[in-house]
Amino acid sequence: MTIIDSVIPLQDSWVPDDPGQWDSAGGAVSSWASGGVYLTGPAGLQSIFLANFRSSTTPPDSGSGEKNYDDGSFPMGTFAWRCLSKD
């Protein structure tokens, strides 16, 4: 997936490489000082959580995540994420 860091505050978004994997075309990115980011998707604002993901994240940073809905081919539950690039 790609997380787009907008120059306009509160307009960050995410786009999946394979929409069928997440059963989503993407959506908004929010943090609320949570120690990570929430990705809006089929289950609303907290569809996916990426712990320790910040605007300062660069390769090869990594962390844990959680998918909070059962749709798509990517399984529900916890997973590990890794930053592969930053433009």
N, C-alpha and C. Protein backbone atom coordinates (compact mmCIF):
# COMPACT_ATOMS: atom_id res chain seq x y z
N MET A 1 0.84 -1.17 0.00
CA MET A 1 0.00 0.00 0.00
C MET A 1 0.88 1.23 0.00
N THR A 2 0.31 2.33 -0.41
CA THR A 2 1.01 3.60 -0.43
C THR A 2 0.28 4.57 0.48
N ILE A 3 1.01 5.24 1.35
CA ILE A 3 0.44 6.28 2.19
C ILE A 3 0.93 7.61 1.64
N ILE A 4 -0.02 8.48 1.30
CA ILE A 4 0.29 9.76 0.67
C ILE A 4 0.28 10.85 1.72
N ASP A 5 1.45 11.45 1.94
CA ASP A 5 1.61 12.53 2.92
C ASP A 5 1.34 13.84 2.19
N SER A 6 0.16 14.38 2.42
CA SER A 6 -0.28 15.60 1.74
C SER A 6 0.39 16.83 2.33
N VAL A 7 0.52 17.86 1.51
CA VAL A 7 1.02 19.14 2.02
C VAL A 7 -0.09 19.89 2.73
N ILE A 8 -1.32 19.43 2.60
CA ILE A 8 -2.47 20.04 3.26
C ILE A 8 -2.78 19.23 4.51
N PRO A 9 -2.71 19.84 5.71
CA PRO A 9 -2.98 19.09 6.94
C PRO A 9 -4.34 18.40 6.91
N LEU A 10 -4.39 17.22 7.51
CA LEU A 10 -5.60 16.41 7.65
C LEU A 10 -6.14 15.88 6.33
N GLN A 11 -5.31 15.84 5.28
CA GLN A 11 -5.76 15.27 4.02
C GLN A 11 -4.88 14.13 3.54
N ASP A 12 -4.14 13.48 4.45
CA ASP A 12 -3.35 12.32 4.08
C ASP A 12 -4.28 11.19 3.70
N SER A 13 -3.83 10.33 2.80
CA SER A 13 -4.66 9.21 2.36
C SER A 13 -3.79 7.99 2.11
N TRP A 14 -4.45 6.85 1.95
CA TRP A 14 -3.75 5.61 1.62
C TRP A 14 -4.41 4.98 0.41
N VAL A 15 -3.60 4.28 -0.40
CA VAL A 15 -4.08 3.62 -1.60
C VAL A 15 -3.47 2.22 -1.63
N PRO A 16 -4.30 1.18 -1.75
CA PRO A 16 -3.74 -0.18 -1.79
C PRO A 16 -3.15 -0.50 -3.16
N ASP A 17 -2.09 -1.30 -3.19
CA ASP A 17 -1.56 -1.80 -4.46
C ASP A 17 -2.55 -2.75 -5.11
N ASP A 18 -3.26 -3.52 -4.29
CA ASP A 18 -4.26 -4.49 -4.75
C ASP A 18 -5.54 -4.27 -3.94
N PRO A 19 -6.53 -3.54 -4.48
CA PRO A 19 -7.76 -3.26 -3.73
C PRO A 19 -8.47 -4.53 -3.23
N GLY A 20 -8.37 -5.64 -3.95
CA GLY A 20 -9.00 -6.89 -3.51
C GLY A 20 -8.38 -7.45 -2.26
N GLN A 21 -7.10 -7.18 -2.06
CA GLN A 21 -6.40 -7.66 -0.87
C GLN A 21 -7.01 -7.05 0.39
N TRP A 22 -7.37 -5.79 0.33
CA TRP A 22 -7.91 -5.08 1.49
C TRP A 22 -9.42 -4.85 1.37
N ASP A 23 -10.03 -5.24 0.24
CA ASP A 23 -11.43 -4.96 -0.06
C ASP A 23 -11.72 -3.48 0.13
N SER A 24 -10.81 -2.65 -0.39
CA SER A 24 -10.93 -1.21 -0.22
C SER A 24 -10.17 -0.50 -1.33
N ALA A 25 -10.66 0.65 -1.72
CA ALA A 25 -9.96 1.51 -2.68
C ALA A 25 -9.06 2.50 -1.95
N GLY A 26 -8.98 2.39 -0.62
CA GLY A 26 -8.17 3.30 0.19
C GLY A 26 -9.05 4.26 0.95
N GLY A 27 -8.44 5.28 1.53
CA GLY A 27 -9.20 6.24 2.32
C GLY A 27 -8.29 7.18 3.08
N ALA A 28 -8.85 7.79 4.10
CA ALA A 28 -8.12 8.79 4.90
C ALA A 28 -7.16 8.13 5.88
N VAL A 29 -6.12 8.89 6.26
CA VAL A 29 -5.14 8.49 7.26
C VAL A 29 -5.25 9.46 8.43
N SER A 30 -5.38 8.94 9.65
CA SER A 30 -5.51 9.78 10.85
C SER A 30 -4.58 9.26 11.93
N SER A 31 -4.15 10.15 12.84
CA SER A 31 -3.29 9.66 13.92
C SER A 31 -3.82 9.96 15.31
N TRP A 32 -4.36 11.13 15.57
CA TRP A 32 -4.89 11.51 16.88
C TRP A 32 -3.91 11.24 18.01
N ALA A 33 -2.62 11.44 17.77
CA ALA A 33 -1.58 11.22 18.78
C ALA A 33 -1.67 9.81 19.37
N SER A 34 -1.92 8.82 18.51
CA SER A 34 -2.15 7.45 18.94
C SER A 34 -0.90 6.59 18.97
N GLY A 35 0.24 7.12 18.54
CA GLY A 35 1.44 6.31 18.46
C GLY A 35 1.52 5.54 17.15
N GLY A 36 0.69 5.91 16.22
CA GLY A 36 0.67 5.26 14.91
C GLY A 36 -0.37 5.94 14.05
N VAL A 37 -0.86 5.23 13.01
CA VAL A 37 -1.88 5.80 12.15
C VAL A 37 -3.04 4.82 11.96
N TYR A 38 -4.23 5.39 11.82
CA TYR A 38 -5.44 4.63 11.48
C TYR A 38 -5.74 4.86 10.01
N LEU A 39 -6.04 3.79 9.29
CA LEU A 39 -6.39 3.87 7.88
C LEU A 39 -7.89 3.60 7.75
N THR A 40 -8.62 4.57 7.23
CA THR A 40 -10.06 4.42 7.05
C THR A 40 -10.32 3.45 5.90
N GLY A 41 -11.26 2.54 6.13
CA GLY A 41 -11.62 1.54 5.13
C GLY A 41 -13.04 1.05 5.35
N PRO A 42 -13.34 -0.19 4.97
CA PRO A 42 -14.69 -0.73 5.06
C PRO A 42 -15.29 -0.72 6.47
N ALA A 43 -14.44 -0.80 7.50
CA ALA A 43 -14.94 -0.81 8.88
C ALA A 43 -14.89 0.57 9.52
N GLY A 44 -14.72 1.62 8.71
CA GLY A 44 -14.70 2.97 9.23
C GLY A 44 -13.31 3.47 9.56
N LEU A 45 -13.25 4.42 10.49
CA LEU A 45 -12.00 5.11 10.81
C LEU A 45 -10.89 4.21 11.33
N GLN A 46 -11.22 3.13 11.98
CA GLN A 46 -10.20 2.28 12.57
C GLN A 46 -10.10 0.93 11.87
N SER A 47 -10.26 0.93 10.56
CA SER A 47 -10.20 -0.32 9.80
C SER A 47 -8.84 -0.99 9.92
N ILE A 48 -7.77 -0.20 9.79
CA ILE A 48 -6.40 -0.71 9.87
C ILE A 48 -5.60 0.23 10.75
N PHE A 49 -4.77 -0.32 11.63
CA PHE A 49 -3.90 0.49 12.48
C PHE A 49 -2.47 0.08 12.24
N LEU A 50 -1.58 1.05 12.01
CA LEU A 50 -0.15 0.81 11.86
C LEU A 50 0.56 1.45 13.05
N ALA A 51 0.98 0.64 14.02
CA ALA A 51 1.66 1.15 15.21
C ALA A 51 3.03 1.70 14.84
N ASN A 52 3.42 2.79 15.48
CA ASN A 52 4.72 3.44 15.30
C ASN A 52 4.94 4.00 13.90
N PHE A 53 3.91 4.15 13.10
CA PHE A 53 4.05 4.79 11.79
C PHE A 53 3.84 6.28 11.97
N ARG A 54 4.81 7.09 11.50
CA ARG A 54 4.76 8.55 11.66
C ARG A 54 5.18 9.21 10.37
N SER A 55 5.02 10.51 10.28
CA SER A 55 5.47 11.23 9.08
C SER A 55 6.98 11.13 8.93
N SER A 56 7.69 10.86 10.02
CA SER A 56 9.15 10.72 9.96
C SER A 56 9.60 9.29 9.60
N THR A 57 8.67 8.39 9.36
CA THR A 57 9.01 7.01 9.01
C THR A 57 9.77 6.97 7.68
N THR A 58 10.88 6.24 7.67
CA THR A 58 11.70 6.07 6.47
C THR A 58 12.16 4.61 6.38
N PRO A 59 12.60 4.17 5.21
CA PRO A 59 13.13 2.81 5.10
C PRO A 59 14.36 2.66 5.98
N PRO A 60 14.55 1.58 6.65
CA PRO A 60 13.78 0.35 6.71
C PRO A 60 12.91 0.25 7.96
N ASP A 61 12.32 1.36 8.43
CA ASP A 61 11.48 1.33 9.64
C ASP A 61 10.40 0.26 9.51
N SER A 62 9.98 -0.27 10.65
CA SER A 62 8.97 -1.32 10.66
C SER A 62 8.17 -1.25 11.95
N GLY A 63 7.11 -2.02 12.01
CA GLY A 63 6.28 -2.05 13.21
C GLY A 63 5.20 -3.11 13.07
N SER A 64 4.26 -3.06 13.98
CA SER A 64 3.15 -4.01 13.94
C SER A 64 1.89 -3.28 13.47
N GLY A 65 0.91 -4.04 13.08
CA GLY A 65 -0.34 -3.47 12.63
C GLY A 65 -1.49 -4.38 12.98
N GLU A 66 -2.70 -3.90 12.72
CA GLU A 66 -3.89 -4.70 12.96
C GLU A 66 -4.96 -4.35 11.94
N LYS A 67 -5.52 -5.36 11.31
CA LYS A 67 -6.65 -5.20 10.39
C LYS A 67 -7.89 -5.60 11.17
N ASN A 68 -8.85 -4.68 11.27
CA ASN A 68 -10.00 -4.86 12.15
C ASN A 68 -11.30 -5.22 11.44
N TYR A 69 -11.20 -5.86 10.28
CA TYR A 69 -12.39 -6.32 9.56
C TYR A 69 -11.99 -7.56 8.76
N ASP A 70 -12.97 -8.34 8.35
CA ASP A 70 -12.70 -9.65 7.77
C ASP A 70 -12.75 -9.70 6.24
N ASP A 71 -13.09 -8.61 5.55
CA ASP A 71 -13.22 -8.63 4.09
C ASP A 71 -11.86 -8.53 3.41
N GLY A 72 -11.78 -8.96 2.16
CA GLY A 72 -10.54 -8.93 1.40
C GLY A 72 -9.71 -10.18 1.62
N SER A 73 -8.67 -10.36 0.82
CA SER A 73 -7.84 -11.56 0.95
C SER A 73 -6.79 -11.46 2.05
N PHE A 74 -6.45 -10.23 2.48
CA PHE A 74 -5.52 -10.08 3.60
C PHE A 74 -6.25 -10.42 4.88
N PRO A 75 -5.72 -11.33 5.70
CA PRO A 75 -6.47 -11.79 6.88
C PRO A 75 -6.65 -10.73 7.97
N MET A 76 -7.75 -10.84 8.68
CA MET A 76 -8.03 -9.99 9.83
C MET A 76 -7.05 -10.33 10.95
N GLY A 77 -6.69 -9.34 11.76
CA GLY A 77 -5.81 -9.59 12.90
C GLY A 77 -4.51 -8.83 12.78
N THR A 78 -3.50 -9.29 13.53
CA THR A 78 -2.23 -8.58 13.61
C THR A 78 -1.30 -8.97 12.45
N PHE A 79 -0.41 -8.05 12.11
CA PHE A 79 0.57 -8.27 11.06
C PHE A 79 1.76 -7.36 11.32
N ALA A 80 2.84 -7.56 10.57
CA ALA A 80 4.03 -6.71 10.64
C ALA A 80 4.08 -5.85 9.36
N TRP A 81 4.48 -4.59 9.50
CA TRP A 81 4.65 -3.72 8.34
C TRP A 81 6.09 -3.26 8.26
N ARG A 82 6.52 -2.85 7.05
CA ARG A 82 7.88 -2.36 6.84
C ARG A 82 7.82 -1.27 5.77
N CYS A 83 8.47 -0.16 5.99
CA CYS A 83 8.56 0.93 5.02
C CYS A 83 9.60 0.57 3.96
N LEU A 84 9.17 0.55 2.69
CA LEU A 84 10.07 0.19 1.60
C LEU A 84 10.65 1.39 0.88
N SER A 85 9.91 2.51 0.86
CA SER A 85 10.44 3.71 0.20
C SER A 85 9.72 4.95 0.71
N LYS A 86 10.36 6.08 0.50
CA LYS A 86 9.75 7.36 0.85
C LYS A 86 10.18 8.37 -0.19
N ASP A 87 9.22 8.99 -0.84
CA ASP A 87 9.52 9.98 -1.88
C ASP A 87 9.69 11.35 -1.27
